[in-house]
N, C-alpha and C. Protein backbone atom coordinates (compact mmCIF):
# COMPACT_ATOMS: atom_id res chain seq x y z
N THR A 1 165.15 96.80 66.62
CA THR A 1 164.14 95.91 67.18
C THR A 1 164.81 94.87 68.06
N PRO A 2 164.13 94.46 69.13
CA PRO A 2 164.74 93.45 70.01
C PRO A 2 164.81 92.09 69.32
N ASP A 3 165.80 91.32 69.72
CA ASP A 3 165.92 89.97 69.18
C ASP A 3 164.76 89.12 69.68
N VAL A 4 164.29 88.26 68.79
CA VAL A 4 163.24 87.31 69.19
C VAL A 4 163.92 86.11 69.83
N VAL A 5 163.49 85.76 71.04
CA VAL A 5 164.02 84.59 71.73
C VAL A 5 163.01 83.46 71.56
N SER A 6 163.44 82.42 70.84
CA SER A 6 162.55 81.30 70.55
C SER A 6 162.36 80.41 71.77
N VAL A 7 161.22 79.78 71.84
CA VAL A 7 160.94 78.81 72.90
C VAL A 7 161.77 77.56 72.64
N SER A 8 162.45 77.08 73.68
CA SER A 8 163.30 75.90 73.53
C SER A 8 162.70 74.66 74.17
N GLY A 9 161.67 74.84 74.99
CA GLY A 9 161.07 73.68 75.63
C GLY A 9 159.82 74.03 76.40
N VAL A 10 159.00 73.01 76.60
CA VAL A 10 157.81 73.13 77.43
C VAL A 10 157.81 71.94 78.38
N THR A 11 157.61 72.20 79.67
CA THR A 11 157.53 71.12 80.65
C THR A 11 156.23 71.25 81.43
N VAL A 12 155.85 70.15 82.08
CA VAL A 12 154.65 70.16 82.91
C VAL A 12 154.96 69.43 84.21
N ALA A 13 154.41 69.97 85.30
CA ALA A 13 154.55 69.31 86.61
C ALA A 13 153.21 69.34 87.31
N PRO A 14 152.77 68.26 87.90
CA PRO A 14 153.39 66.94 87.81
C PRO A 14 153.16 66.32 86.43
N ALA A 15 153.95 65.31 86.08
CA ALA A 15 153.82 64.65 84.78
C ALA A 15 152.65 63.67 84.77
N SER A 16 152.17 63.32 85.96
CA SER A 16 150.97 62.48 86.04
C SER A 16 150.19 62.89 87.28
N ALA A 17 148.88 62.70 87.22
CA ALA A 17 148.02 63.10 88.33
C ALA A 17 146.79 62.22 88.34
N THR A 18 146.16 62.18 89.50
CA THR A 18 144.89 61.46 89.66
C THR A 18 143.88 62.44 90.24
N VAL A 19 142.66 62.39 89.70
CA VAL A 19 141.60 63.27 90.16
C VAL A 19 140.29 62.49 90.14
N ALA A 20 139.43 62.76 91.09
CA ALA A 20 138.12 62.10 91.12
C ALA A 20 137.18 62.79 90.15
N ALA A 21 136.24 62.04 89.61
CA ALA A 21 135.21 62.63 88.76
C ALA A 21 134.49 63.71 89.56
N GLY A 22 134.31 64.88 88.95
CA GLY A 22 133.66 66.00 89.61
C GLY A 22 134.61 66.90 90.37
N ALA A 23 135.85 66.46 90.57
CA ALA A 23 136.84 67.26 91.28
C ALA A 23 137.84 67.86 90.29
N THR A 24 138.73 68.72 90.79
CA THR A 24 139.74 69.33 89.93
C THR A 24 141.13 69.14 90.52
N THR A 25 142.11 69.21 89.64
CA THR A 25 143.51 69.23 90.03
C THR A 25 144.22 70.21 89.10
N THR A 26 145.42 70.62 89.47
CA THR A 26 146.13 71.58 88.62
C THR A 26 147.44 70.99 88.12
N LEU A 27 147.82 71.44 86.93
CA LEU A 27 149.09 71.12 86.30
C LEU A 27 149.76 72.44 85.96
N THR A 28 151.04 72.57 86.24
CA THR A 28 151.75 73.80 85.94
C THR A 28 152.67 73.58 84.74
N PHE A 29 152.43 74.34 83.69
CA PHE A 29 153.26 74.28 82.49
C PHE A 29 154.32 75.38 82.56
N THR A 30 155.53 75.06 82.14
CA THR A 30 156.63 76.02 82.13
C THR A 30 157.21 76.09 80.73
N VAL A 31 157.36 77.32 80.24
CA VAL A 31 157.96 77.55 78.92
C VAL A 31 159.39 78.00 79.13
N LYS A 32 160.33 77.39 78.43
CA LYS A 32 161.75 77.73 78.52
C LYS A 32 162.22 78.31 77.20
N PRO A 33 163.22 79.18 77.20
CA PRO A 33 163.86 79.75 78.37
C PRO A 33 162.98 80.81 79.05
N ASP A 34 163.42 81.27 80.21
CA ASP A 34 162.64 82.26 80.97
C ASP A 34 162.44 83.55 80.19
N ASN A 35 163.36 83.85 79.27
CA ASN A 35 163.27 85.11 78.51
C ASN A 35 162.71 84.89 77.11
N ALA A 36 161.99 83.81 76.89
CA ALA A 36 161.37 83.57 75.58
C ALA A 36 160.45 84.73 75.23
N SER A 37 160.44 85.10 73.96
CA SER A 37 159.63 86.23 73.52
C SER A 37 158.14 85.97 73.67
N ASP A 38 157.71 84.75 73.40
CA ASP A 38 156.29 84.41 73.48
C ASP A 38 156.14 83.16 74.34
N LYS A 39 155.72 83.36 75.59
CA LYS A 39 155.60 82.25 76.53
C LYS A 39 154.17 81.74 76.65
N THR A 40 153.31 82.13 75.71
CA THR A 40 151.93 81.68 75.79
C THR A 40 151.80 80.22 75.36
N LEU A 41 150.80 79.59 75.90
CA LEU A 41 150.53 78.17 75.65
C LEU A 41 149.08 77.97 75.30
N GLN A 42 148.81 76.85 74.68
CA GLN A 42 147.45 76.35 74.56
C GLN A 42 147.44 74.99 75.24
N VAL A 43 146.31 74.62 75.81
CA VAL A 43 146.19 73.29 76.38
C VAL A 43 145.00 72.58 75.75
N ALA A 44 145.10 71.26 75.74
CA ALA A 44 144.02 70.45 75.17
C ALA A 44 143.92 69.15 75.95
N THR A 45 142.72 68.59 75.94
CA THR A 45 142.50 67.27 76.51
C THR A 45 142.33 66.29 75.36
N ALA A 46 142.88 65.10 75.52
CA ALA A 46 142.75 64.09 74.48
C ALA A 46 141.32 63.54 74.43
N ASP A 47 140.59 63.66 75.53
CA ASP A 47 139.22 63.14 75.58
C ASP A 47 138.38 63.95 76.56
N PRO A 48 137.61 64.92 76.05
CA PRO A 48 136.81 65.77 76.94
C PRO A 48 135.70 65.02 77.67
N LEU A 49 135.42 63.78 77.27
CA LEU A 49 134.43 62.99 77.99
C LEU A 49 135.00 62.43 79.29
N ILE A 50 136.34 62.39 79.40
CA ILE A 50 136.99 61.90 80.62
C ILE A 50 137.44 63.07 81.50
N ALA A 51 138.02 64.10 80.89
CA ALA A 51 138.45 65.27 81.66
C ALA A 51 138.45 66.50 80.76
N THR A 52 138.12 67.64 81.37
CA THR A 52 138.20 68.92 80.66
C THR A 52 139.36 69.71 81.24
N VAL A 53 139.82 70.71 80.49
CA VAL A 53 140.96 71.49 80.95
C VAL A 53 140.78 72.95 80.56
N THR A 54 141.15 73.84 81.49
CA THR A 54 141.19 75.28 81.22
C THR A 54 142.57 75.78 81.65
N LEU A 55 142.98 76.90 81.09
CA LEU A 55 144.32 77.43 81.36
C LEU A 55 144.24 78.87 81.78
N LYS A 56 144.98 79.20 82.86
CA LYS A 56 145.15 80.59 83.27
C LYS A 56 146.57 80.75 83.78
N ASP A 57 147.30 81.68 83.20
CA ASP A 57 148.69 81.96 83.62
C ASP A 57 149.55 80.70 83.65
N ASN A 58 149.39 79.86 82.61
CA ASN A 58 150.18 78.63 82.45
C ASN A 58 149.91 77.59 83.53
N VAL A 59 148.83 77.77 84.29
CA VAL A 59 148.37 76.73 85.21
C VAL A 59 147.08 76.16 84.64
N ALA A 60 147.12 74.86 84.36
CA ALA A 60 145.95 74.18 83.80
C ALA A 60 145.13 73.59 84.93
N THR A 61 143.83 73.86 84.90
CA THR A 61 142.92 73.23 85.85
C THR A 61 142.20 72.11 85.11
N VAL A 62 142.40 70.89 85.62
CA VAL A 62 141.82 69.71 85.00
C VAL A 62 140.64 69.26 85.85
N LYS A 63 139.49 69.09 85.22
CA LYS A 63 138.30 68.62 85.94
C LYS A 63 137.94 67.23 85.46
N GLY A 64 137.87 66.30 86.41
CA GLY A 64 137.46 64.94 86.07
C GLY A 64 136.00 64.90 85.69
N VAL A 65 135.68 64.18 84.61
CA VAL A 65 134.30 64.04 84.16
C VAL A 65 133.79 62.63 84.46
N LYS A 66 134.55 61.62 84.02
CA LYS A 66 134.19 60.23 84.33
C LYS A 66 135.46 59.41 84.40
N ALA A 67 135.37 58.24 85.02
CA ALA A 67 136.55 57.40 85.23
C ALA A 67 137.22 57.03 83.91
N GLY A 68 138.56 57.09 83.91
CA GLY A 68 139.34 56.74 82.73
C GLY A 68 140.69 57.42 82.80
N SER A 69 141.45 57.24 81.72
CA SER A 69 142.77 57.88 81.63
C SER A 69 142.79 58.78 80.41
N VAL A 70 143.49 59.92 80.54
CA VAL A 70 143.51 60.89 79.46
C VAL A 70 144.82 61.66 79.51
N ASN A 71 145.32 62.05 78.35
CA ASN A 71 146.49 62.92 78.29
C ASN A 71 146.04 64.36 78.18
N ILE A 72 146.69 65.22 78.97
CA ILE A 72 146.49 66.67 78.89
C ILE A 72 147.75 67.23 78.26
N VAL A 73 147.59 67.98 77.17
CA VAL A 73 148.73 68.42 76.37
C VAL A 73 148.84 69.94 76.43
N GLY A 74 150.06 70.43 76.69
CA GLY A 74 150.37 71.85 76.59
C GLY A 74 151.19 72.06 75.34
N ILE A 75 150.81 73.06 74.54
CA ILE A 75 151.43 73.29 73.23
C ILE A 75 151.94 74.72 73.17
N SER A 76 153.21 74.88 72.76
CA SER A 76 153.76 76.23 72.62
C SER A 76 152.97 76.99 71.56
N SER A 77 153.02 78.32 71.62
CA SER A 77 152.19 79.14 70.74
C SER A 77 152.46 78.88 69.26
N ASP A 78 153.70 78.48 68.92
CA ASP A 78 153.99 78.20 67.51
C ASP A 78 153.69 76.75 67.13
N GLY A 79 153.25 75.96 68.11
CA GLY A 79 152.87 74.58 67.84
C GLY A 79 154.01 73.60 67.73
N SER A 80 155.24 74.06 67.98
CA SER A 80 156.39 73.20 67.73
C SER A 80 156.78 72.34 68.92
N LEU A 81 156.37 72.71 70.12
CA LEU A 81 156.80 72.00 71.32
C LEU A 81 155.59 71.65 72.18
N VAL A 82 155.64 70.45 72.76
CA VAL A 82 154.53 70.01 73.59
C VAL A 82 155.04 69.40 74.89
N ALA A 83 154.20 69.42 75.89
CA ALA A 83 154.42 68.69 77.13
C ALA A 83 153.13 67.95 77.43
N VAL A 84 153.25 66.71 77.88
CA VAL A 84 152.08 65.87 78.10
C VAL A 84 152.04 65.39 79.55
N ALA A 85 150.88 65.53 80.17
CA ALA A 85 150.66 64.97 81.50
C ALA A 85 149.59 63.89 81.39
N ALA A 86 149.84 62.77 82.05
CA ALA A 86 148.88 61.67 82.07
C ALA A 86 147.99 61.83 83.29
N VAL A 87 146.68 61.92 83.06
CA VAL A 87 145.74 62.11 84.15
C VAL A 87 144.81 60.91 84.23
N THR A 88 144.67 60.38 85.43
CA THR A 88 143.74 59.29 85.69
C THR A 88 142.56 59.86 86.47
N VAL A 89 141.36 59.62 85.96
CA VAL A 89 140.15 60.06 86.64
C VAL A 89 139.53 58.84 87.31
N THR A 90 139.27 58.96 88.60
CA THR A 90 138.65 57.88 89.35
C THR A 90 137.17 58.18 89.57
N ALA A 91 136.40 57.14 89.80
CA ALA A 91 134.97 57.33 90.07
C ALA A 91 134.82 58.13 91.36
N SER A 92 133.84 59.01 91.39
CA SER A 92 133.67 59.87 92.56
C SER A 92 133.06 59.11 93.72
């Protein structure tokens, strides 16, 4: 059986972003190392009333809901590693 390569880190770029309410922006999450056995992620918003988030191919689309600040978190599949982006939502 092939060796399992554990995830050693999760990063996000940009680390902070600004988006208007009703608009979207993207955050790109990267799982390290490149040859990790399981590079899947989950993403979450700290406050869905300020911004929502969806994930496709490790690119998170953040949609501003109302003005405020919120953290968008990417979590490795085993839950052990996280990357956080600070998103500011401005009034539309």
